[in-house]
Amino acid sequence: MFETLKADLTKAYQGVTAFVQAPAQGRWSQEGARTAEEDIVIFEVMVADLDLGQWQQRRGDLEIRFRQARVVIRHMDIGLI
């Protein structure tokens, strides 16, 4: 499924960086003082113009595809040197 996602992102945004070799581990508190954990991977794309609606739809699609309660998509402005 990760290979398909990499191909999708490359086609849509002309490139992707995938941090999947050594998955990081996410941990968070849940109700009742329980702690949940899971491995996470990070996919990074850079775009000149951000289409929030498109990314919101993509997030929903990814949540279904990967059976996740929430997929985190974040954005930030950067300056290139």
PDB file of N, CA and C in Angstrom:
ATOM      1  N   MET A   1       0.822  -1.193   0.000  1.00  0.00           N
ATOM      2  CA  MET A   1       0.000   0.000   0.000  1.00  0.00           C
ATOM      3  C   MET A   1       0.869   1.262   0.000  1.00  0.00           C
ATOM      4  N   PHE A   2       2.034   1.177   0.653  1.00  0.00           N
ATOM      5  CA  PHE A   2       2.924   2.340   0.672  1.00  0.00           C
ATOM      6  C   PHE A   2       3.477   2.628  -0.720  1.00  0.00           C
ATOM      7  N   GLU A   3       3.787   1.582  -1.483  1.00  0.00           N
ATOM      8  CA  GLU A   3       4.299   1.773  -2.843  1.00  0.00           C
ATOM      9  C   GLU A   3       3.251   2.454  -3.718  1.00  0.00           C
ATOM     10  N   THR A   4       2.006   2.064  -3.569  1.00  0.00           N
ATOM     11  CA  THR A   4       0.920   2.690  -4.322  1.00  0.00           C
ATOM     12  C   THR A   4       0.789   4.164  -3.942  1.00  0.00           C
ATOM     13  N   LEU A   5       0.892   4.459  -2.651  1.00  0.00           N
ATOM     14  CA  LEU A   5       0.808   5.845  -2.198  1.00  0.00           C
ATOM     15  C   LEU A   5       1.969   6.660  -2.756  1.00  0.00           C
ATOM     16  N   LYS A   6       3.180   6.107  -2.723  1.00  0.00           N
ATOM     17  CA  LYS A   6       4.332   6.819  -3.292  1.00  0.00           C
ATOM     18  C   LYS A   6       4.105   7.120  -4.773  1.00  0.00           C
ATOM     19  N   ALA A   7       3.594   6.152  -5.506  1.00  0.00           N
ATOM     20  CA  ALA A   7       3.319   6.365  -6.931  1.00  0.00           C
ATOM     21  C   ALA A   7       2.251   7.438  -7.126  1.00  0.00           C
ATOM     22  N   ASP A   8       1.196   7.410  -6.325  1.00  0.00           N
ATOM     23  CA  ASP A   8       0.121   8.409  -6.418  1.00  0.00           C
ATOM     24  C   ASP A   8       0.652   9.818  -6.161  1.00  0.00           C
ATOM     25  N   LEU A   9       1.449   9.965  -5.102  1.00  0.00           N
ATOM     26  CA  LEU A   9       1.977  11.283  -4.748  1.00  0.00           C
ATOM     27  C   LEU A   9       2.980  11.778  -5.788  1.00  0.00           C
ATOM     28  N   THR A  10       3.781  10.875  -6.317  1.00  0.00           N
ATOM     29  CA  THR A  10       4.736  11.264  -7.356  1.00  0.00           C
ATOM     30  C   THR A  10       4.002  11.754  -8.595  1.00  0.00           C
ATOM     31  N   LYS A  11       2.964  11.062  -8.973  1.00  0.00           N
ATOM     32  CA  LYS A  11       2.185  11.469 -10.147  1.00  0.00           C
ATOM     33  C   LYS A  11       1.497  12.814  -9.923  1.00  0.00           C
ATOM     34  N   ALA A  12       0.934  12.993  -8.738  1.00  0.00           N
ATOM     35  CA  ALA A  12       0.169  14.210  -8.453  1.00  0.00           C
ATOM     36  C   ALA A  12       1.055  15.433  -8.220  1.00  0.00           C
ATOM     37  N   TYR A  13       2.244  15.235  -7.611  1.00  0.00           N
ATOM     38  CA  TYR A  13       3.059  16.375  -7.188  1.00  0.00           C
ATOM     39  C   TYR A  13       4.480  16.339  -7.729  1.00  0.00           C
ATOM     40  N   GLN A  14       4.746  15.471  -8.676  1.00  0.00           N
ATOM     41  CA  GLN A  14       6.039  15.346  -9.339  1.00  0.00           C
ATOM     42  C   GLN A  14       7.168  14.902  -8.399  1.00  0.00           C
ATOM     43  N   GLY A  15       6.845  14.384  -7.239  1.00  0.00           N
ATOM     44  CA  GLY A  15       7.873  13.859  -6.357  1.00  0.00           C
ATOM     45  C   GLY A  15       7.358  13.614  -4.955  1.00  0.00           C
ATOM     46  N   VAL A  16       8.055  12.761  -4.238  1.00  0.00           N
ATOM     47  CA  VAL A  16       7.722  12.454  -2.845  1.00  0.00           C
ATOM     48  C   VAL A  16       8.976  11.944  -2.155  1.00  0.00           C
ATOM     49  N   THR A  17       9.104  12.224  -0.880  1.00  0.00           N
ATOM     50  CA  THR A  17      10.130  11.618  -0.044  1.00  0.00           C
ATOM     51  C   THR A  17       9.397  10.785   0.989  1.00  0.00           C
ATOM     52  N   ALA A  18       9.755   9.506   1.074  1.00  0.00           N
ATOM     53  CA  ALA A  18       9.082   8.598   2.003  1.00  0.00           C
ATOM     54  C   ALA A  18      10.065   8.137   3.062  1.00  0.00           C
ATOM     55  N   PHE A  19       9.733   8.367   4.314  1.00  0.00           N
ATOM     56  CA  PHE A  19      10.549   7.930   5.442  1.00  0.00           C
ATOM     57  C   PHE A  19       9.936   6.646   5.980  1.00  0.00           C
ATOM     58  N   VAL A  20      10.290   5.521   5.364  1.00  0.00           N
ATOM     59  CA  VAL A  20       9.648   4.247   5.709  1.00  0.00           C
ATOM     60  C   VAL A  20      10.630   3.157   6.130  1.00  0.00           C
ATOM     61  N   GLN A  21      11.941   3.389   6.040  1.00  0.00           N
ATOM     62  CA  GLN A  21      12.914   2.345   6.347  1.00  0.00           C
ATOM     63  C   GLN A  21      12.883   1.927   7.814  1.00  0.00           C
ATOM     64  N   ALA A  22      12.792   2.873   8.699  1.00  0.00           N
ATOM     65  CA  ALA A  22      12.744   2.566  10.126  1.00  0.00           C
ATOM     66  C   ALA A  22      11.562   3.326  10.712  1.00  0.00           C
ATOM     67  N   PRO A  23      10.365   2.741  10.646  1.00  0.00           N
ATOM     68  CA  PRO A  23       9.191   3.501  11.092  1.00  0.00           C
ATOM     69  C   PRO A  23       9.354   4.050  12.511  1.00  0.00           C
ATOM     70  N   ALA A  24       8.919   5.259  12.674  1.00  0.00           N
ATOM     71  CA  ALA A  24       8.894   5.862  14.003  1.00  0.00           C
ATOM     72  C   ALA A  24       7.730   5.266  14.777  1.00  0.00           C
ATOM     73  N   GLN A  25       7.770   5.414  16.074  1.00  0.00           N
ATOM     74  CA  GLN A  25       6.682   4.877  16.876  1.00  0.00           C
ATOM     75  C   GLN A  25       5.899   6.024  17.489  1.00  0.00           C
ATOM     76  N   GLY A  26       4.593   6.028  17.234  1.00  0.00           N
ATOM     77  CA  GLY A  26       3.719   7.028  17.825  1.00  0.00           C
ATOM     78  C   GLY A  26       3.107   6.491  19.107  1.00  0.00           C
ATOM     79  N   ARG A  27       2.913   7.357  20.065  1.00  0.00           N
ATOM     80  CA  ARG A  27       2.296   6.980  21.336  1.00  0.00           C
ATOM     81  C   ARG A  27       1.423   8.127  21.800  1.00  0.00           C
ATOM     82  N   TRP A  28       0.235   7.799  22.298  1.00  0.00           N
ATOM     83  CA  TRP A  28      -0.665   8.832  22.795  1.00  0.00           C
ATOM     84  C   TRP A  28      -1.560   8.258  23.878  1.00  0.00           C
ATOM     85  N   SER A  29      -2.059   9.156  24.718  1.00  0.00           N
ATOM     86  CA  SER A  29      -2.952   8.764  25.803  1.00  0.00           C
ATOM     87  C   SER A  29      -4.376   8.675  25.288  1.00  0.00           C
ATOM     88  N   GLN A  30      -5.085   7.691  25.805  1.00  0.00           N
ATOM     89  CA  GLN A  30      -6.491   7.543  25.471  1.00  0.00           C
ATOM     90  C   GLN A  30      -7.304   7.667  26.746  1.00  0.00           C
ATOM     91  N   GLU A  31      -8.628   7.658  26.590  1.00  0.00           N
ATOM     92  CA  GLU A  31      -9.496   7.733  27.759  1.00  0.00           C
ATOM     93  C   GLU A  31      -9.212   6.572  28.697  1.00  0.00           C
ATOM     94  N   GLY A  32      -9.389   6.795  29.969  1.00  0.00           N
ATOM     95  CA  GLY A  32      -9.180   5.744  30.949  1.00  0.00           C
ATOM     96  C   GLY A  32      -7.713   5.508  31.248  1.00  0.00           C
ATOM     97  N   ALA A  33      -6.851   6.500  30.972  1.00  0.00           N
ATOM     98  CA  ALA A  33      -5.418   6.427  31.256  1.00  0.00           C
ATOM     99  C   ALA A  33      -4.709   5.321  30.485  1.00  0.00           C
ATOM    100  N   ARG A  34      -5.310   4.839  29.397  1.00  0.00           N
ATOM    101  CA  ARG A  34      -4.653   3.843  28.549  1.00  0.00           C
ATOM    102  C   ARG A  34      -3.725   4.550  27.577  1.00  0.00           C
ATOM    103  N   THR A  35      -2.672   3.876  27.187  1.00  0.00           N
ATOM    104  CA  THR A  35      -1.739   4.401  26.203  1.00  0.00           C
ATOM    105  C   THR A  35      -1.809   3.536  24.953  1.00  0.00           C
ATOM    106  N   ALA A  36      -1.871   4.176  23.804  1.00  0.00           N
ATOM    107  CA  ALA A  36      -1.893   3.459  22.526  1.00  0.00           C
ATOM    108  C   ALA A  36      -0.575   3.716  21.804  1.00  0.00           C
ATOM    109  N   GLU A  37      -0.132   2.737  21.028  1.00  0.00           N
ATOM    110  CA  GLU A  37       1.095   2.867  20.242  1.00  0.00           C
ATOM    111  C   GLU A  37       0.886   2.283  18.862  1.00  0.00           C
ATOM    112  N   GLU A  38       1.597   2.833  17.887  1.00  0.00           N
ATOM    113  CA  GLU A  38       1.642   2.228  16.566  1.00  0.00           C
ATOM    114  C   GLU A  38       2.832   2.799  15.817  1.00  0.00           C
ATOM    115  N   ASP A  39       3.300   2.053  14.822  1.00  0.00           N
ATOM    116  CA  ASP A  39       4.363   2.534  13.960  1.00  0.00           C
ATOM    117  C   ASP A  39       3.785   3.551  13.000  1.00  0.00           C
ATOM    118  N   ILE A  40       4.587   4.569  12.696  1.00  0.00           N
ATOM    119  CA  ILE A  40       4.147   5.584  11.745  1.00  0.00           C
ATOM    120  C   ILE A  40       5.200   5.738  10.648  1.00  0.00           C
ATOM    121  N   VAL A  41       4.753   6.158   9.496  1.00  0.00           N
ATOM    122  CA  VAL A  41       5.646   6.510   8.397  1.00  0.00           C
ATOM    123  C   VAL A  41       5.297   7.927   7.963  1.00  0.00           C
ATOM    124  N   ILE A  42       6.261   8.572   7.336  1.00  0.00           N
ATOM    125  CA  ILE A  42       6.073   9.963   6.928  1.00  0.00           C
ATOM    126  C   ILE A  42       6.331  10.075   5.432  1.00  0.00           C
ATOM    127  N   PHE A  43       5.402  10.701   4.729  1.00  0.00           N
ATOM    128  CA  PHE A  43       5.558  11.013   3.320  1.00  0.00           C
ATOM    129  C   PHE A  43       5.588  12.528   3.203  1.00  0.00           C
ATOM    130  N   GLU A  44       6.541  13.039   2.453  1.00  0.00           N
ATOM    131  CA  GLU A  44       6.700  14.485   2.329  1.00  0.00           C
ATOM    132  C   GLU A  44       6.645  14.888   0.860  1.00  0.00           C
ATOM    133  N   VAL A  45       5.827  15.888   0.572  1.00  0.00           N
ATOM    134  CA  VAL A  45       5.787  16.470  -0.772  1.00  0.00           C
ATOM    135  C   VAL A  45       5.913  17.986  -0.634  1.00  0.00           C
ATOM    136  N   MET A  46       6.424  18.608  -1.678  1.00  0.00           N
ATOM    137  CA  MET A  46       6.533  20.062  -1.698  1.00  0.00           C
ATOM    138  C   MET A  46       5.725  20.584  -2.874  1.00  0.00           C
ATOM    139  N   VAL A  47       4.933  21.601  -2.610  1.00  0.00           N
ATOM    140  CA  VAL A  47       4.106  22.208  -3.653  1.00  0.00           C
ATOM    141  C   VAL A  47       4.258  23.727  -3.588  1.00  0.00           C
ATOM    142  N   ALA A  48       4.132  24.361  -4.740  1.00  0.00           N
ATOM    143  CA  ALA A  48       4.207  25.819  -4.787  1.00  0.00           C
ATOM    144  C   ALA A  48       2.914  26.447  -4.277  1.00  0.00           C
ATOM    145  N   ASP A  49       1.781  25.830  -4.631  1.00  0.00           N
ATOM    146  CA  ASP A  49       0.478  26.342  -4.217  1.00  0.00           C
ATOM    147  C   ASP A  49      -0.274  25.252  -3.463  1.00  0.00           C
ATOM    148  N   LEU A  50      -0.803  25.598  -2.312  1.00  0.00           N
ATOM    149  CA  LEU A  50      -1.493  24.643  -1.449  1.00  0.00           C
ATOM    150  C   LEU A  50      -2.997  24.702  -1.704  1.00  0.00           C
ATOM    151  N   ASP A  51      -3.583  23.569  -2.043  1.00  0.00           N
ATOM    152  CA  ASP A  51      -5.024  23.443  -2.230  1.00  0.00           C
ATOM    153  C   ASP A  51      -5.572  22.680  -1.021  1.00  0.00           C
ATOM    154  N   LEU A  52      -6.034  23.424  -0.006  1.00  0.00           N
ATOM    155  CA  LEU A  52      -6.481  22.792   1.239  1.00  0.00           C
ATOM    156  C   LEU A  52      -7.621  21.814   1.019  1.00  0.00           C
ATOM    157  N   GLY A  53      -8.553  22.140   0.155  1.00  0.00           N
ATOM    158  CA  GLY A  53      -9.674  21.242  -0.109  1.00  0.00           C
ATOM    159  C   GLY A  53      -9.212  19.910  -0.665  1.00  0.00           C
ATOM    160  N   GLN A  54      -8.267  19.964  -1.581  1.00  0.00           N
ATOM    161  CA  GLN A  54      -7.725  18.737  -2.167  1.00  0.00           C
ATOM    162  C   GLN A  54      -7.029  17.884  -1.105  1.00  0.00           C
ATOM    163  N   TRP A  55      -6.274  18.525  -0.216  1.00  0.00           N
ATOM    164  CA  TRP A  55      -5.578  17.781   0.835  1.00  0.00           C
ATOM    165  C   TRP A  55      -6.555  17.232   1.877  1.00  0.00           C
ATOM    166  N   GLN A  56      -7.622  17.949   2.156  1.00  0.00           N
ATOM    167  CA  GLN A  56      -8.634  17.430   3.082  1.00  0.00           C
ATOM    168  C   GLN A  56      -9.293  16.185   2.508  1.00  0.00           C
ATOM    169  N   GLN A  57      -9.582  16.214   1.215  1.00  0.00           N
ATOM    170  CA  GLN A  57     -10.157  15.032   0.572  1.00  0.00           C
ATOM    171  C   GLN A  57      -9.159  13.877   0.574  1.00  0.00           C
ATOM    172  N   ARG A  58      -7.903  14.167   0.280  1.00  0.00           N
ATOM    173  CA  ARG A  58      -6.872  13.132   0.290  1.00  0.00           C
ATOM    174  C   ARG A  58      -6.740  12.507   1.678  1.00  0.00           C
ATOM    175  N   ARG A  59      -6.814  13.352   2.714  1.00  0.00           N
ATOM    176  CA  ARG A  59      -6.725  12.835   4.084  1.00  0.00           C
ATOM    177  C   ARG A  59      -7.847  11.837   4.360  1.00  0.00           C
ATOM    178  N   GLY A  60      -9.057  12.189   3.988  1.00  0.00           N
ATOM    179  CA  GLY A  60     -10.187  11.279   4.170  1.00  0.00           C
ATOM    180  C   GLY A  60      -9.995   9.971   3.423  1.00  0.00           C
ATOM    181  N   ASP A  61      -9.520  10.066   2.188  1.00  0.00           N
ATOM    182  CA  ASP A  61      -9.258   8.865   1.398  1.00  0.00           C
ATOM    183  C   ASP A  61      -8.198   7.984   2.062  1.00  0.00           C
ATOM    184  N   LEU A  62      -7.141   8.607   2.582  1.00  0.00           N
ATOM    185  CA  LEU A  62      -6.069   7.845   3.240  1.00  0.00           C
ATOM    186  C   LEU A  62      -6.551   7.194   4.534  1.00  0.00           C
ATOM    187  N   GLU A  63      -7.410   7.881   5.260  1.00  0.00           N
ATOM    188  CA  GLU A  63      -7.953   7.293   6.489  1.00  0.00           C
ATOM    189  C   GLU A  63      -8.725   6.026   6.172  1.00  0.00           C
ATOM    190  N   ILE A  64      -9.463   6.035   5.094  1.00  0.00           N
ATOM    191  CA  ILE A  64     -10.204   4.834   4.686  1.00  0.00           C
ATOM    192  C   ILE A  64      -9.238   3.755   4.203  1.00  0.00           C
ATOM    193  N   ARG A  65      -8.314   4.127   3.315  1.00  0.00           N
ATOM    194  CA  ARG A  65      -7.389   3.157   2.725  1.00  0.00           C
ATOM    195  C   ARG A  65      -6.533   2.453   3.778  1.00  0.00           C
ATOM    196  N   PHE A  66      -6.042   3.227   4.767  1.00  0.00           N
ATOM    197  CA  PHE A  66      -5.158   2.662   5.789  1.00  0.00           C
ATOM    198  C   PHE A  66      -5.889   2.314   7.090  1.00  0.00           C
ATOM    199  N   ARG A  67      -7.216   2.443   7.066  1.00  0.00           N
ATOM    200  CA  ARG A  67      -8.052   2.113   8.232  1.00  0.00           C
ATOM    201  C   ARG A  67      -7.566   2.818   9.503  1.00  0.00           C
ATOM    202  N   GLN A  68      -7.442   4.127   9.396  1.00  0.00           N
ATOM    203  CA  GLN A  68      -6.977   4.951  10.497  1.00  0.00           C
ATOM    204  C   GLN A  68      -8.077   5.897  10.956  1.00  0.00           C
ATOM    205  N   ALA A  69      -8.160   6.105  12.256  1.00  0.00           N
ATOM    206  CA  ALA A  69      -9.121   7.075  12.776  1.00  0.00           C
ATOM    207  C   ALA A  69      -8.749   8.484  12.316  1.00  0.00           C
ATOM    208  N   ARG A  70      -7.430   8.734  12.190  1.00  0.00           N
ATOM    209  CA  ARG A  70      -6.983  10.054  11.759  1.00  0.00           C
ATOM    210  C   ARG A  70      -5.626   9.945  11.091  1.00  0.00           C
ATOM    211  N   VAL A  71      -5.501  10.505   9.925  1.00  0.00           N
ATOM    212  CA  VAL A  71      -4.223  10.672   9.240  1.00  0.00           C
ATOM    213  C   VAL A  71      -3.859  12.143   9.403  1.00  0.00           C
ATOM    214  N   VAL A  72      -2.635  12.412   9.811  1.00  0.00           N
ATOM    215  CA  VAL A  72      -2.189  13.787  10.022  1.00  0.00           C
ATOM    216  C   VAL A  72      -1.516  14.283   8.750  1.00  0.00           C
ATOM    217  N   ILE A  73      -2.015  15.392   8.238  1.00  0.00           N
ATOM    218  CA  ILE A  73      -1.380  16.084   7.130  1.00  0.00           C
ATOM    219  C   ILE A  73      -1.096  17.494   7.630  1.00  0.00           C
ATOM    220  N   ARG A  74       0.153  17.879   7.565  1.00  0.00           N
ATOM    221  CA  ARG A  74       0.513  19.220   8.046  1.00  0.00           C
ATOM    222  C   ARG A  74       1.165  19.997   6.915  1.00  0.00           C
ATOM    223  N   HIS A  75       1.157  21.308   7.017  1.00  0.00           N
ATOM    224  CA  HIS A  75       1.813  22.145   6.013  1.00  0.00           C
ATOM    225  C   HIS A  75       2.567  23.260   6.700  1.00  0.00           C
ATOM    226  N   MET A  76       3.597  23.702   6.019  1.00  0.00           N
ATOM    227  CA  MET A  76       4.386  24.820   6.538  1.00  0.00           C
ATOM    228  C   MET A  76       5.024  25.562   5.375  1.00  0.00           C
ATOM    229  N   ASP A  77       5.212  26.841   5.567  1.00  0.00           N
ATOM    230  CA  ASP A  77       5.931  27.629   4.581  1.00  0.00           C
ATOM    231  C   ASP A  77       7.421  27.438   4.813  1.00  0.00           C
ATOM    232  N   ILE A  78       8.161  27.318   3.728  1.00  0.00           N
ATOM    233  CA  ILE A  78       9.612  27.212   3.838  1.00  0.00           C
ATOM    234  C   ILE A  78      10.259  28.176   2.846  1.00  0.00           C
ATOM    235  N   GLY A  79      11.488  28.494   3.102  1.00  0.00           N
ATOM    236  CA  GLY A  79      12.274  29.282   2.170  1.00  0.00           C
ATOM    237  C   GLY A  79      13.406  28.434   1.650  1.00  0.00           C
ATOM    238  N   LEU A  80      13.596  28.421   0.344  1.00  0.00           N
ATOM    239  CA  LEU A  80      14.681  27.640  -0.253  1.00  0.00           C
ATOM    240  C   LEU A  80      15.886  28.547  -0.471  1.00  0.00           C
ATOM    241  N   ILE A  81      17.045  28.004  -0.224  1.00  0.00           N
ATOM    242  CA  ILE A  81      18.308  28.760  -0.401  1.00  0.00           C
ATOM    243  C   ILE A  81      18.983  28.280  -1.664  1.00  0.00           C
TER     244      ILE A  81
END
